[in-house]
Structure formats: structure tokens, C-alpha cells
PDB file of N, CA and C in Angstrom:
ATOM      1  N   UNK A   1       1.850  20.866   3.840  1.00  0.00           N
ATOM      2  CA  UNK A   1       1.715  19.493   3.398  1.00  0.00           C
ATOM      3  C   UNK A   1       1.425  18.608   4.609  1.00  0.00           C
ATOM      4  N   UNK A   2       0.558  17.655   4.425  1.00  0.00           N
ATOM      5  CA  UNK A   2       0.182  16.750   5.503  1.00  0.00           C
ATOM      6  C   UNK A   2       1.172  15.610   5.620  1.00  0.00           C
ATOM      7  N   UNK A   3       1.335  15.119   6.835  1.00  0.00           N
ATOM      8  CA  UNK A   3       2.198  13.966   7.056  1.00  0.00           C
ATOM      9  C   UNK A   3       1.473  13.010   7.985  1.00  0.00           C
ATOM     10  N   UNK A   4       1.475  11.746   7.638  1.00  0.00           N
ATOM     11  CA  UNK A   4       0.816  10.755   8.470  1.00  0.00           C
ATOM     12  C   UNK A   4       1.583   9.437   8.381  1.00  0.00           C
ATOM     13  N   UNK A   5       1.676   8.774   9.495  1.00  0.00           N
ATOM     14  CA  UNK A   5       2.227   7.418   9.528  1.00  0.00           C
ATOM     15  C   UNK A   5       1.114   6.524  10.038  1.00  0.00           C
ATOM     16  N   UNK A   6       0.880   5.446   9.368  1.00  0.00           N
ATOM     17  CA  UNK A   6      -0.249   4.599   9.673  1.00  0.00           C
ATOM     18  C   UNK A   6       0.183   3.152   9.746  1.00  0.00           C
ATOM     19  N   UNK A   7      -0.225   2.488  10.802  1.00  0.00           N
ATOM     20  CA  UNK A   7       0.063   1.064  10.943  1.00  0.00           C
ATOM     21  C   UNK A   7      -1.233   0.305  10.715  1.00  0.00           C
ATOM     22  N   UNK A   8      -1.204  -0.603   9.781  1.00  0.00           N
ATOM     23  CA  UNK A   8      -2.390  -1.348   9.395  1.00  0.00           C
ATOM     24  C   UNK A   8      -2.151  -2.820   9.669  1.00  0.00           C
ATOM     25  N   UNK A   9      -3.008  -3.421  10.437  1.00  0.00           N
ATOM     26  CA  UNK A   9      -2.839  -4.836  10.766  1.00  0.00           C
ATOM     27  C   UNK A   9      -3.254  -5.732   9.630  1.00  0.00           C
ATOM     28  N   UNK A  10      -2.399  -6.638   9.260  1.00  0.00           N
ATOM     29  CA  UNK A  10      -2.710  -7.583   8.192  1.00  0.00           C
ATOM     30  C   UNK A  10      -3.750  -8.601   8.648  1.00  0.00           C
ATOM     31  N   UNK A  11      -3.925  -8.754   9.955  1.00  0.00           N
ATOM     32  CA  UNK A  11      -4.889  -9.717  10.474  1.00  0.00           C
ATOM     33  C   UNK A  11      -6.284  -9.429   9.946  1.00  0.00           C
ATOM     34  N   UNK A  12      -6.646  -8.166   9.829  1.00  0.00           N
ATOM     35  CA  UNK A  12      -7.985  -7.841   9.338  1.00  0.00           C
ATOM     36  C   UNK A  12      -8.172  -8.313   7.899  1.00  0.00           C
ATOM     37  N   UNK A  13      -7.125  -8.270   7.119  1.00  0.00           N
ATOM     38  CA  UNK A  13      -7.232  -8.748   5.746  1.00  0.00           C
ATOM     39  C   UNK A  13      -7.372 -10.261   5.701  1.00  0.00           C
ATOM     40  N   UNK A  14      -6.715 -10.939   6.611  1.00  0.00           N
ATOM     41  CA  UNK A  14      -6.809 -12.393   6.626  1.00  0.00           C
ATOM     42  C   UNK A  14      -8.235 -12.849   6.881  1.00  0.00           C
ATOM     43  N   UNK A  15      -8.955 -12.103   7.675  1.00  0.00           N
ATOM     44  CA  UNK A  15     -10.334 -12.465   7.958  1.00  0.00           C
ATOM     45  C   UNK A  15     -11.238 -12.206   6.754  1.00  0.00           C
ATOM     46  N   UNK A  16     -10.822 -11.323   5.874  1.00  0.00           N
ATOM     47  CA  UNK A  16     -11.659 -10.924   4.751  1.00  0.00           C
ATOM     48  C   UNK A  16     -11.487 -11.845   3.540  1.00  0.00           C
ATOM     49  N   UNK A  17     -10.250 -12.113   3.186  1.00  0.00           N
ATOM     50  CA  UNK A  17     -10.018 -12.983   2.037  1.00  0.00           C
ATOM     51  C   UNK A  17      -8.603 -13.545   2.106  1.00  0.00           C
ATOM     52  N   UNK A  18      -8.328 -14.444   1.195  1.00  0.00           N
ATOM     53  CA  UNK A  18      -7.029 -15.094   1.156  1.00  0.00           C
ATOM     54  C   UNK A  18      -5.941 -14.108   0.751  1.00  0.00           C
ATOM     55  N   UNK A  19      -4.767 -14.323   1.295  1.00  0.00           N
ATOM     56  CA  UNK A  19      -3.606 -13.517   0.910  1.00  0.00           C
ATOM     57  C   UNK A  19      -2.660 -14.367   0.070  1.00  0.00           C
ATOM     58  N   UNK A  20      -3.202 -15.362  -0.619  1.00  0.00           N
ATOM     59  CA  UNK A  20      -2.384 -16.311  -1.379  1.00  0.00           C
ATOM     60  C   UNK A  20      -1.532 -15.641  -2.447  1.00  0.00           C
ATOM     61  N   UNK A  21      -1.944 -14.487  -2.954  1.00  0.00           N
ATOM     62  CA  UNK A  21      -1.177 -13.796  -3.994  1.00  0.00           C
ATOM     63  C   UNK A  21       0.053 -13.091  -3.436  1.00  0.00           C
ATOM     64  N   UNK A  22       0.182 -13.066  -2.101  1.00  0.00           N
ATOM     65  CA  UNK A  22       1.271 -12.340  -1.452  1.00  0.00           C
ATOM     66  C   UNK A  22       2.120 -13.270  -0.591  1.00  0.00           C
ATOM     67  N   UNK A  23       3.385 -12.943  -0.474  1.00  0.00           N
ATOM     68  CA  UNK A  23       4.291 -13.682   0.397  1.00  0.00           C
ATOM     69  C   UNK A  23       4.314 -12.972   1.742  1.00  0.00           C
ATOM     70  N   UNK A  24       3.377 -13.324   2.621  1.00  0.00           N
ATOM     71  CA  UNK A  24       3.221 -12.614   3.894  1.00  0.00           C
ATOM     72  C   UNK A  24       4.345 -12.900   4.885  1.00  0.00           C
ATOM     73  N   UNK A  25       5.228 -13.823   4.548  1.00  0.00           N
ATOM     74  CA  UNK A  25       6.382 -14.091   5.412  1.00  0.00           C
ATOM     75  C   UNK A  25       7.525 -13.120   5.134  1.00  0.00           C
ATOM     76  N   UNK A  26       7.411 -12.363   4.049  1.00  0.00           N
ATOM     77  CA  UNK A  26       8.446 -11.390   3.702  1.00  0.00           C
ATOM     78  C   UNK A  26       7.866  -9.988   3.770  1.00  0.00           C
ATOM     79  N   UNK A  27       8.719  -9.041   4.064  1.00  0.00           N
ATOM     80  CA  UNK A  27       8.331  -7.634   4.111  1.00  0.00           C
ATOM     81  C   UNK A  27       9.257  -6.828   3.208  1.00  0.00           C
ATOM     82  N   UNK A  28       8.689  -5.885   2.484  1.00  0.00           N
ATOM     83  CA  UNK A  28       9.482  -4.977   1.661  1.00  0.00           C
ATOM     84  C   UNK A  28       9.055  -3.549   1.982  1.00  0.00           C
ATOM     85  N   UNK A  29       9.902  -2.621   1.619  1.00  0.00           N
ATOM     86  CA  UNK A  29       9.602  -1.198   1.748  1.00  0.00           C
ATOM     87  C   UNK A  29       9.753  -0.572   0.375  1.00  0.00           C
ATOM     88  N   UNK A  30       8.746   0.161  -0.027  1.00  0.00           N
ATOM     89  CA  UNK A  30       8.844   0.895  -1.286  1.00  0.00           C
ATOM     90  C   UNK A  30       8.650   2.377  -0.978  1.00  0.00           C
ATOM     91  N   UNK A  31       9.433   3.184  -1.646  1.00  0.00           N
ATOM     92  CA  UNK A  31       9.323   4.637  -1.526  1.00  0.00           C
ATOM     93  C   UNK A  31       9.108   5.185  -2.916  1.00  0.00           C
ATOM     94  N   UNK A  32       8.230   6.147  -3.015  1.00  0.00           N
ATOM     95  CA  UNK A  32       8.001   6.720  -4.328  1.00  0.00           C
ATOM     96  C   UNK A  32       6.935   7.785  -4.311  1.00  0.00           C
ATOM     97  N   UNK A  33       6.412   8.058  -5.484  1.00  0.00           N
ATOM     98  CA  UNK A  33       5.418   9.101  -5.694  1.00  0.00           C
ATOM     99  C   UNK A  33       4.053   8.449  -5.898  1.00  0.00           C
ATOM    100  N   UNK A  34       3.061   8.962  -5.193  1.00  0.00           N
ATOM    101  CA  UNK A  34       1.698   8.474  -5.343  1.00  0.00           C
ATOM    102  C   UNK A  34       1.145   8.968  -6.678  1.00  0.00           C
ATOM    103  N   UNK A  35       0.932   8.033  -7.614  1.00  0.00           N
ATOM    104  CA  UNK A  35       0.430   8.382  -8.939  1.00  0.00           C
ATOM    105  C   UNK A  35      -1.079   8.549  -8.953  1.00  0.00           C
ATOM    106  N   UNK A  36      -1.766   7.647  -8.264  1.00  0.00           N
ATOM    107  CA  UNK A  36      -3.226   7.695  -8.179  1.00  0.00           C
ATOM    108  C   UNK A  36      -3.665   6.730  -7.096  1.00  0.00           C
ATOM    109  N   UNK A  37      -4.927   6.804  -6.746  1.00  0.00           N
ATOM    110  CA  UNK A  37      -5.472   5.864  -5.777  1.00  0.00           C
ATOM    111  C   UNK A  37      -6.952   5.648  -6.065  1.00  0.00           C
ATOM    112  N   UNK A  38      -7.463   4.525  -5.597  1.00  0.00           N
ATOM    113  CA  UNK A  38      -8.884   4.198  -5.711  1.00  0.00           C
ATOM    114  C   UNK A  38      -9.396   3.937  -4.296  1.00  0.00           C
ATOM    115  N   UNK A  39     -10.195   4.848  -3.801  1.00  0.00           N
ATOM    116  CA  UNK A  39     -10.744   4.757  -2.442  1.00  0.00           C
ATOM    117  C   UNK A  39     -12.086   4.043  -2.558  1.00  0.00           C
ATOM    118  N   UNK A  40     -12.049   2.722  -2.691  1.00  0.00           N
ATOM    119  CA  UNK A  40     -13.243   1.937  -2.981  1.00  0.00           C
ATOM    120  C   UNK A  40     -13.317   0.722  -2.069  1.00  0.00           C
ATOM    121  N   UNK A  41     -14.518   0.161  -1.971  1.00  0.00           N
ATOM    122  CA  UNK A  41     -14.704  -1.115  -1.296  1.00  0.00           C
ATOM    123  C   UNK A  41     -14.515  -2.223  -2.321  1.00  0.00           C
ATOM    124  N   UNK A  42     -14.008  -3.372  -1.983  1.00  0.00           N
ATOM    125  CA  UNK A  42     -13.721  -3.763  -0.613  1.00  0.00           C
ATOM    126  C   UNK A  42     -12.328  -3.375  -0.129  1.00  0.00           C
ATOM    127  N   UNK A  43     -11.463  -2.844  -1.003  1.00  0.00           N
ATOM    128  CA  UNK A  43     -10.106  -2.477  -0.596  1.00  0.00           C
ATOM    129  C   UNK A  43      -9.669  -1.214  -1.310  1.00  0.00           C
ATOM    130  N   UNK A  44      -8.902  -0.413  -0.596  1.00  0.00           N
ATOM    131  CA  UNK A  44      -8.273   0.760  -1.191  1.00  0.00           C
ATOM    132  C   UNK A  44      -7.057   0.296  -1.982  1.00  0.00           C
ATOM    133  N   UNK A  45      -6.824   0.917  -3.130  1.00  0.00           N
ATOM    134  CA  UNK A  45      -5.645   0.625  -3.938  1.00  0.00           C
ATOM    135  C   UNK A  45      -4.868   1.907  -4.166  1.00  0.00           C
ATOM    136  N   UNK A  46      -3.543   1.805  -4.110  1.00  0.00           N
ATOM    137  CA  UNK A  46      -2.645   2.911  -4.403  1.00  0.00           C
ATOM    138  C   UNK A  46      -1.716   2.474  -5.520  1.00  0.00           C
ATOM    139  N   UNK A  47      -1.355   3.389  -6.399  1.00  0.00           N
ATOM    140  CA  UNK A  47      -0.342   3.122  -7.409  1.00  0.00           C
ATOM    141  C   UNK A  47       0.814   4.069  -7.128  1.00  0.00           C
ATOM    142  N   UNK A  48       1.971   3.479  -6.846  1.00  0.00           N
ATOM    143  CA  UNK A  48       3.144   4.228  -6.410  1.00  0.00           C
ATOM    144  C   UNK A  48       4.286   3.972  -7.388  1.00  0.00           C
ATOM    145  N   UNK A  49       4.858   5.051  -7.923  1.00  0.00           N
ATOM    146  CA  UNK A  49       6.013   4.910  -8.796  1.00  0.00           C
ATOM    147  C   UNK A  49       7.270   4.980  -7.945  1.00  0.00           C
ATOM    148  N   UNK A  50       8.036   3.916  -7.981  1.00  0.00           N
ATOM    149  CA  UNK A  50       9.278   3.825  -7.226  1.00  0.00           C
ATOM    150  C   UNK A  50      10.273   2.999  -7.999  1.00  0.00           C
ATOM    151  N   UNK A  51      11.189   2.390  -7.290  1.00  0.00           N
ATOM    152  CA  UNK A  51      12.182   1.540  -7.943  1.00  0.00           C
ATOM    153  C   UNK A  51      12.155   0.161  -7.309  1.00  0.00           C
ATOM    154  N   UNK A  52      12.588  -0.827  -8.083  1.00  0.00           N
ATOM    155  CA  UNK A  52      12.702  -2.176  -7.546  1.00  0.00           C
ATOM    156  C   UNK A  52      14.104  -2.371  -6.982  1.00  0.00           C
ATOM    157  N   UNK A  53      14.398  -3.584  -6.539  1.00  0.00           N
ATOM    158  CA  UNK A  53      15.698  -3.846  -5.904  1.00  0.00           C
ATOM    159  C   UNK A  53      16.871  -3.661  -6.867  1.00  0.00           C
ATOM    160  N   UNK A  54      16.596  -3.666  -8.180  1.00  0.00           N
ATOM    161  CA  UNK A  54      17.649  -3.470  -9.181  1.00  0.00           C
ATOM    162  C   UNK A  54      17.751  -2.013  -9.644  1.00  0.00           C
ATOM    163  N   UNK A  55      16.919  -1.145  -9.056  1.00  0.00           N
ATOM    164  CA  UNK A  55      16.966   0.268  -9.411  1.00  0.00           C
ATOM    165  C   UNK A  55      16.115   0.648 -10.616  1.00  0.00           C
ATOM    166  N   UNK A  56      15.342  -0.301 -11.149  1.00  0.00           N
ATOM    167  CA  UNK A  56      14.473  -0.015 -12.283  1.00  0.00           C
ATOM    168  C   UNK A  56      13.191   0.650 -11.800  1.00  0.00           C
ATOM    169  N   UNK A  57      12.697   1.608 -12.582  1.00  0.00           N
ATOM    170  CA  UNK A  57      11.441   2.275 -12.244  1.00  0.00           C
ATOM    171  C   UNK A  57      10.289   1.290 -12.386  1.00  0.00           C
ATOM    172  N   UNK A  58       9.456   1.249 -11.350  1.00  0.00           N
ATOM    173  CA  UNK A  58       8.331   0.324 -11.294  1.00  0.00           C
ATOM    174  C   UNK A  58       7.111   1.082 -10.785  1.00  0.00           C
ATOM    175  N   UNK A  59       5.951   0.766 -11.335  1.00  0.00           N
ATOM    176  CA  UNK A  59       4.710   1.247 -10.747  1.00  0.00           C
ATOM    177  C   UNK A  59       4.155   0.105  -9.904  1.00  0.00           C
ATOM    178  N   UNK A  60       4.173   0.311  -8.602  1.00  0.00           N
ATOM    179  CA  UNK A  60       3.695  -0.683  -7.652  1.00  0.00           C
ATOM    180  C   UNK A  60       2.191  -0.529  -7.479  1.00  0.00           C
ATOM    181  N   UNK A  61       1.477  -1.648  -7.466  1.00  0.00           N
ATOM    182  CA  UNK A  61       0.055  -1.652  -7.134  1.00  0.00           C
ATOM    183  C   UNK A  61      -0.059  -2.124  -5.696  1.00  0.00           C
ATOM    184  N   UNK A  62      -0.526  -1.239  -4.841  1.00  0.00           N
ATOM    185  CA  UNK A  62      -0.566  -1.499  -3.407  1.00  0.00           C
ATOM    186  C   UNK A  62      -2.011  -1.730  -2.979  1.00  0.00           C
ATOM    187  N   UNK A  63      -2.267  -2.883  -2.371  1.00  0.00           N
ATOM    188  CA  UNK A  63      -3.601  -3.197  -1.881  1.00  0.00           C
ATOM    189  C   UNK A  63      -3.657  -2.918  -0.390  1.00  0.00           C
ATOM    190  N   UNK A  64      -4.652  -2.135   0.011  1.00  0.00           N
ATOM    191  CA  UNK A  64      -4.824  -1.801   1.419  1.00  0.00           C
ATOM    192  C   UNK A  64      -6.095  -2.417   1.976  1.00  0.00           C
ATOM    193  N   UNK A  65      -6.404  -2.028   3.167  1.00  0.00           N
ATOM    194  CA  UNK A  65      -7.614  -2.481   3.851  1.00  0.00           C
ATOM    195  C   UNK A  65      -8.834  -1.753   3.300  1.00  0.00           C
ATOM    196  N   UNK A  66     -10.025  -2.131   3.748  1.00  0.00           N
ATOM    197  CA  UNK A  66     -11.233  -1.424   3.336  1.00  0.00           C
ATOM    198  C   UNK A  66     -11.219   0.031   3.829  1.00  0.00           C
ATOM    199  N   UNK A  67     -11.887   0.937   3.105  1.00  0.00           N
ATOM    200  CA  UNK A  67     -11.889   2.353   3.491  1.00  0.00           C
ATOM    201  C   UNK A  67     -12.336   2.608   4.929  1.00  0.00           C
ATOM    202  N   UNK A  68     -13.362   1.925   5.395  1.00  0.00           N
ATOM    203  CA  UNK A  68     -13.854   2.166   6.761  1.00  0.00           C
ATOM    204  C   UNK A  68     -12.794   1.785   7.798  1.00  0.00           C
ATOM    205  N   UNK A  69     -12.090   0.699   7.558  1.00  0.00           N
ATOM    206  CA  UNK A  69     -11.032   0.284   8.486  1.00  0.00           C
ATOM    207  C   UNK A  69      -9.909   1.313   8.499  1.00  0.00           C
ATOM    208  N   UNK A  70      -9.501   1.772   7.328  1.00  0.00           N
ATOM    209  CA  UNK A  70      -8.432   2.762   7.249  1.00  0.00           C
ATOM    210  C   UNK A  70      -8.842   4.064   7.936  1.00  0.00           C
ATOM    211  N   UNK A  71     -10.100   4.469   7.749  1.00  0.00           N
ATOM    212  CA  UNK A  71     -10.581   5.701   8.388  1.00  0.00           C
ATOM    213  C   UNK A  71     -10.511   5.597   9.905  1.00  0.00           C
ATOM    214  N   UNK A  72     -10.831   4.428  10.457  1.00  0.00           N
ATOM    215  CA  UNK A  72     -10.726   4.240  11.914  1.00  0.00           C
ATOM    216  C   UNK A  72      -9.284   4.321  12.389  1.00  0.00           C
ATOM    217  N   UNK A  73      -8.334   4.056  11.481  1.00  0.00           N
ATOM    218  CA  UNK A  73      -6.914   4.137  11.809  1.00  0.00           C
ATOM    219  C   UNK A  73      -6.345   5.530  11.541  1.00  0.00           C
ATOM    220  N   UNK A  74      -7.164   6.427  11.024  1.00  0.00           N
ATOM    221  CA  UNK A  74      -6.717   7.794  10.784  1.00  0.00           C
ATOM    222  C   UNK A  74      -6.369   8.128   9.346  1.00  0.00           C
ATOM    223  N   UNK A  75      -6.548   7.191   8.443  1.00  0.00           N
ATOM    224  CA  UNK A  75      -6.250   7.453   7.034  1.00  0.00           C
ATOM    225  C   UNK A  75      -7.553   7.631   6.267  1.00  0.00           C
ATOM    226  N   UNK A  76      -7.754   8.818   5.726  1.00  0.00           N
ATOM    227  CA  UNK A  76      -8.906   9.091   4.872  1.00  0.00           C
ATOM    228  C   UNK A  76      -8.379   9.526   3.511  1.00  0.00           C
ATOM    229  N   UNK A  77      -9.269   9.560   2.546  1.00  0.00           N
ATOM    230  CA  UNK A  77      -8.818   9.962   1.212  1.00  0.00           C
ATOM    231  C   UNK A  77      -8.347  11.409   1.196  1.00  0.00           C
ATOM    232  N   UNK A  78      -8.755  12.210   2.186  1.00  0.00           N
ATOM    233  CA  UNK A  78      -8.305  13.596   2.265  1.00  0.00           C
ATOM    234  C   UNK A  78      -6.834  13.707   2.643  1.00  0.00           C
ATOM    235  N   UNK A  79      -6.277  12.665   3.244  1.00  0.00           N
ATOM    236  CA  UNK A  79      -4.858  12.660   3.631  1.00  0.00           C
ATOM    237  C   UNK A  79      -3.978  12.382   2.414  1.00  0.00           C
ATOM    238  N   UNK A  80      -4.503  11.614   1.467  1.00  0.00           N
ATOM    239  CA  UNK A  80      -3.730  11.239   0.291  1.00  0.00           C
ATOM    240  C   UNK A  80      -3.713  12.372  -0.726  1.00  0.00           C
ATOM    241  N   UNK A  81      -2.543  12.625  -1.276  1.00  0.00           N
ATOM    242  CA  UNK A  81      -2.405  13.673  -2.277  1.00  0.00           C
ATOM    243  C   UNK A  81      -1.570  13.139  -3.436  1.00  0.00           C
ATOM    244  N   UNK A  82      -2.191  13.050  -4.603  1.00  0.00           N
ATOM    245  CA  UNK A  82      -1.468  12.594  -5.788  1.00  0.00           C
ATOM    246  C   UNK A  82      -0.250  13.490  -5.987  1.00  0.00           C
ATOM    247  N   UNK A  83       0.890  12.856  -6.239  1.00  0.00           N
ATOM    248  CA  UNK A  83       2.142  13.582  -6.417  1.00  0.00           C
ATOM    249  C   UNK A  83       2.984  13.658  -5.150  1.00  0.00           C
ATOM    250  N   UNK A  84       2.400  13.261  -4.011  1.00  0.00           N
ATOM    251  CA  UNK A  84       3.169  13.297  -2.766  1.00  0.00           C
ATOM    252  C   UNK A  84       4.073  12.076  -2.660  1.00  0.00           C
ATOM    253  N   UNK A  85       5.101  12.196  -1.841  1.00  0.00           N
ATOM    254  CA  UNK A  85       6.017  11.084  -1.596  1.00  0.00           C
ATOM    255  C   UNK A  85       5.415  10.210  -0.507  1.00  0.00           C
ATOM    256  N   UNK A  86       5.484   8.899  -0.716  1.00  0.00           N
ATOM    257  CA  UNK A  86       4.960   7.942   0.256  1.00  0.00           C
ATOM    258  C   UNK A  86       5.968   6.824   0.474  1.00  0.00           C
ATOM    259  N   UNK A  87       5.850   6.211   1.629  1.00  0.00           N
ATOM    260  CA  UNK A  87       6.614   5.004   1.944  1.00  0.00           C
ATOM    261  C   UNK A  87       5.611   3.938   2.356  1.00  0.00           C
ATOM    262  N   UNK A  88       5.689   2.795   1.708  1.00  0.00           N
ATOM    263  CA  UNK A  88       4.787   1.682   1.992  1.00  0.00           C
ATOM    264  C   UNK A  88       5.618   0.509   2.480  1.00  0.00           C
ATOM    265  N   UNK A  89       5.201  -0.081   3.583  1.00  0.00           N
ATOM    266  CA  UNK A  89       5.792  -1.315   4.082  1.00  0.00           C
ATOM    267  C   UNK A  89       4.724  -2.392   3.912  1.00  0.00           C
ATOM    268  N   UNK A  90       5.125  -3.533   3.387  1.00  0.00           N
ATOM    269  CA  UNK A  90       4.134  -4.579   3.192  1.00  0.00           C
ATOM    270  C   UNK A  90       4.730  -5.859   2.661  1.00  0.00           C
ATOM    271  N   UNK A  91       3.842  -6.743   2.313  1.00  0.00           N
ATOM    272  CA  UNK A  91       4.231  -8.051   1.790  1.00  0.00           C
ATOM    273  C   UNK A  91       4.221  -8.019   0.271  1.00  0.00           C
ATOM    274  N   UNK A  92       5.290  -8.519  -0.354  1.00  0.00           N
ATOM    275  CA  UNK A  92       5.347  -8.497  -1.816  1.00  0.00           C
ATOM    276  C   UNK A  92       4.435  -9.553  -2.432  1.00  0.00           C
ATOM    277  N   UNK A  93       4.029  -9.295  -3.652  1.00  0.00           N
ATOM    278  CA  UNK A  93       3.280 -10.297  -4.395  1.00  0.00           C
ATOM    279  C   UNK A  93       4.172 -11.475  -4.736  1.00  0.00           C
ATOM    280  N   UNK A  94       3.579 -12.631  -4.907  1.00  0.00           N
ATOM    281  CA  UNK A  94       4.367 -13.829  -5.231  1.00  0.00           C
ATOM    282  C   UNK A  94       4.957 -13.761  -6.640  1.00  0.00           C
ATOM    283  N   UNK A  95       4.313 -13.030  -7.538  1.00  0.00           N
ATOM    284  CA  UNK A  95       4.819 -12.869  -8.900  1.00  0.00           C
ATOM    285  C   UNK A  95       5.529 -11.514  -8.987  1.00  0.00           C
ATOM    286  N   UNK A  96       6.869 -11.506  -8.934  1.00  0.00           N
ATOM    287  CA  UNK A  96       7.601 -10.238  -8.896  1.00  0.00           C
ATOM    288  C   UNK A  96       7.388  -9.362 -10.135  1.00  0.00           C
ATOM    289  N   UNK A  97       6.956  -9.936 -11.243  1.00  0.00           N
ATOM    290  CA  UNK A  97       6.726  -9.156 -12.462  1.00  0.00           C
ATOM    291  C   UNK A  97       5.503  -8.251 -12.354  1.00  0.00           C
ATOM    292  N   UNK A  98       4.605  -8.555 -11.425  1.00  0.00           N
ATOM    293  CA  UNK A  98       3.360  -7.785 -11.315  1.00  0.00           C
ATOM    294  C   UNK A  98       3.492  -6.555 -10.429  1.00  0.00           C
ATOM    295  N   UNK A  99       4.484  -6.474  -9.557  1.00  0.00           N
ATOM    296  CA  UNK A  99       4.675  -5.301  -8.717  1.00  0.00           C
ATOM    297  C   UNK A  99       3.566  -5.080  -7.703  1.00  0.00           C
ATOM    298  N   UNK A 100       3.080  -6.172  -7.115  1.00  0.00           N
ATOM    299  CA  UNK A 100       2.009  -6.074  -6.125  1.00  0.00           C
ATOM    300  C   UNK A 100       2.576  -5.998  -4.710  1.00  0.00           C
ATOM    301  N   UNK A 101       1.893  -5.254  -3.855  1.00  0.00           N
ATOM    302  CA  UNK A 101       2.264  -5.159  -2.449  1.00  0.00           C
ATOM    303  C   UNK A 101       0.992  -5.139  -1.616  1.00  0.00           C
ATOM    304  N   UNK A 102       0.954  -5.926  -0.540  1.00  0.00           N
ATOM    305  CA  UNK A 102      -0.119  -5.911   0.433  1.00  0.00           C
ATOM    306  C   UNK A 102       0.317  -4.990   1.568  1.00  0.00           C
ATOM    307  N   UNK A 103      -0.324  -3.843   1.719  1.00  0.00           N
ATOM    308  CA  UNK A 103       0.127  -2.797   2.617  1.00  0.00           C
ATOM    309  C   UNK A 103      -0.073  -3.147   4.089  1.00  0.00           C
ATOM    310  N   UNK A 104       1.025  -2.958   4.853  1.00  0.00           N
ATOM    311  CA  UNK A 104       0.957  -3.048   6.310  1.00  0.00           C
ATOM    312  C   UNK A 104       0.994  -1.655   6.930  1.00  0.00           C
ATOM    313  N   UNK A 105       1.883  -0.806   6.441  1.00  0.00           N
ATOM    314  CA  UNK A 105       1.970   0.571   6.932  1.00  0.00           C
ATOM    315  C   UNK A 105       2.161   1.530   5.770  1.00  0.00           C
ATOM    316  N   UNK A 106       1.731   2.745   5.995  1.00  0.00           N
ATOM    317  CA  UNK A 106       1.855   3.793   4.994  1.00  0.00           C
ATOM    318  C   UNK A 106       2.295   5.082   5.688  1.00  0.00           C
ATOM    319  N   UNK A 107       3.279   5.736   5.103  1.00  0.00           N
ATOM    320  CA  UNK A 107       3.716   7.053   5.577  1.00  0.00           C
ATOM    321  C   UNK A 107       3.616   8.005   4.398  1.00  0.00           C
ATOM    322  N   UNK A 108       3.025   9.164   4.637  1.00  0.00           N
ATOM    323  CA  UNK A 108       2.954  10.180   3.587  1.00  0.00           C
ATOM    324  C   UNK A 108       3.750  11.392   4.021  1.00  0.00           C
ATOM    325  N   UNK A 109       4.264  12.126   3.049  1.00  0.00           N
ATOM    326  CA  UNK A 109       5.008  13.359   3.343  1.00  0.00           C
ATOM    327  C   UNK A 109       4.512  14.466   2.469  1.00  0.00           C
TER     328      UNK A 109
END
């Protein structure tokens, strides 16, 4: 099984578009199972099943950087494996009911 830890700068996202949907002053960590991903432009998306702060099962929608940027950081779609455990650090969405996260770092196991 592959393991990778990746640090992704949020600054690159700020140059691309607004982060108004996210509370970039706060950071959260989610751990869970990678359900699926979309390796597309302009941003990679991951769907991770984990739990919220109350212990309820949640499917988090994680927005990442563009594929080319992630590849330069060492993350390619070949590293991601549906069903693997992942840890995402990032900024939560402003609407807690939506389960959105703007990814800063990703660790796969």
C-alpha cells in the first residue's frame, strides 16, 4: 500500500478564485475512507466518509488544487486508492451542513 503526506499551499488557490465559501481562519482535520475522487480541472475533488465533531457519519466533499499543481507536489491520481484511509487538513466550509473542506494537506495510508 502506498503512503504519502502532501502539503498544499492555500495561497495558490487564493490566486485562482475566491475562498468565500470556506472559513480560512479555521483549520479542521478529517479522517476517513476515500469513497471516490474526481481528478479534473480546475480542481481535484475527493469524497471522504468520516465523522463530524458530534461523531455522526458524514461524507465530506474536499476541494483541492488543480491536478497539475498537485502533481508538482507529488500527488497524482495513481497515489489515490478508493477505499484507502486518508487524513485531510483544511479549512471548513462556512455552511456546516454541506460538509465542505478546502484541502491544505493530505495523507494517505
